[in-house]
Protein backbone atom coordinates (compact mmCIF):
# COMPACT_ATOMS: atom_id res chain seq x y z
CA MET A 1 55.82 157.16 97.29
CA ASP A 2 52.04 156.83 97.27
CA PHE A 3 50.59 155.83 93.89
CA ALA A 4 46.96 155.62 94.94
CA GLY A 5 44.53 158.42 95.49
CA CYS A 6 45.78 161.20 93.23
CA PRO A 7 43.17 163.96 93.05
CA ASP A 8 43.36 164.36 89.25
CA ASP A 9 43.11 160.69 88.27
CA GLU A 10 39.48 161.15 87.16
CA LYS A 11 40.46 163.83 84.61
CA PHE A 12 41.60 163.15 81.06
CA GLY A 13 45.16 163.85 80.02
CA PRO A 14 48.74 162.91 80.69
CA VAL A 15 49.21 165.65 83.31
CA VAL A 16 48.37 165.08 86.97
CA GLN A 17 48.53 168.23 89.06
CA GLY A 18 49.83 167.79 92.60
CA CYS A 19 50.88 164.18 92.28
CA ARG A 20 54.01 162.38 91.03
CA ASP A 21 55.92 165.55 90.04
CA ASP A 22 52.91 166.89 88.07
CA PHE A 23 53.38 164.47 85.18
CA ASP A 24 51.97 161.01 84.94
CA PHE A 25 49.26 159.32 82.94
CA THR A 26 45.82 159.51 84.48
CA ILE A 27 43.78 156.33 84.74
CA LYS A 28 41.30 157.49 82.09
CA PHE A 29 44.14 158.43 79.72
CA GLU A 30 45.77 155.02 80.19
CA LYS A 31 42.53 153.15 79.55
CA ILE A 32 41.80 155.05 76.34
CA PHE A 33 45.24 155.25 74.77
CA PHE A 34 46.76 151.99 75.94
CA SER A 35 43.77 149.65 75.61
CA LEU A 36 40.86 151.03 73.59
CA ILE A 37 42.78 152.53 70.68
CA PRO A 38 45.10 149.53 70.09
CA ALA A 39 42.16 147.11 70.37
CA SER A 40 40.06 149.08 67.88
CA LEU A 41 43.00 149.32 65.45
CA PHE A 42 43.53 145.56 65.72
CA ILE A 43 39.84 144.88 65.03
CA ALA A 44 39.87 147.18 61.99
CA ALA A 45 43.03 145.52 60.65
CA ALA A 46 41.58 142.06 61.25
CA LEU A 47 38.39 142.95 59.38
CA CYS A 48 40.42 144.27 56.44
CA ARG A 49 42.45 141.06 56.44
CA VAL A 50 39.32 138.89 56.50
CA VAL A 51 37.84 140.79 53.54
CA TYR A 52 41.13 140.42 51.66
CA LEU A 53 41.28 136.69 52.34
CA LEU A 54 37.65 136.14 51.35
CA ARG A 55 38.30 137.76 47.95
CA ARG A 56 41.32 135.56 47.18
CA PRO A 57 40.81 132.45 45.07
CA VAL A 58 40.48 129.15 46.89
CA ILE A 59 43.65 127.09 46.50
CA VAL A 60 42.38 123.81 47.95
CA GLY A 61 39.30 122.73 46.05
CA GLY A 62 37.84 119.83 48.02
CA ARG A 63 36.04 120.28 51.31
CA VAL A 64 37.82 117.22 52.76
CA LEU A 65 41.21 118.68 51.85
CA GLN A 66 40.25 122.04 53.35
CA VAL A 67 39.29 120.41 56.64
CA ALA A 68 42.50 118.32 56.58
CA LYS A 69 44.56 121.47 56.03
CA VAL A 70 42.91 123.29 58.92
CA VAL A 71 43.32 120.31 61.24
CA SER A 72 46.97 119.83 60.29
CA ASP A 73 47.76 123.49 61.09
CA ILE A 74 46.61 123.10 64.69
């Protein structure tokens, strides 16, 4: 079974005509839906989390204790 060189791999969509029983993810479809979308969702969630954490009150007051806490978590 040859997996390289399908004629429809440059098109967008999960359907490949004439290759692999006419159904397989195209390369462009895989790149968009399995890498770009999850990465952008993770970045958006991380930014929301950072904003949430910045608005919370500081529990450890001293700068020395904050540095000690960060170093001890590593």
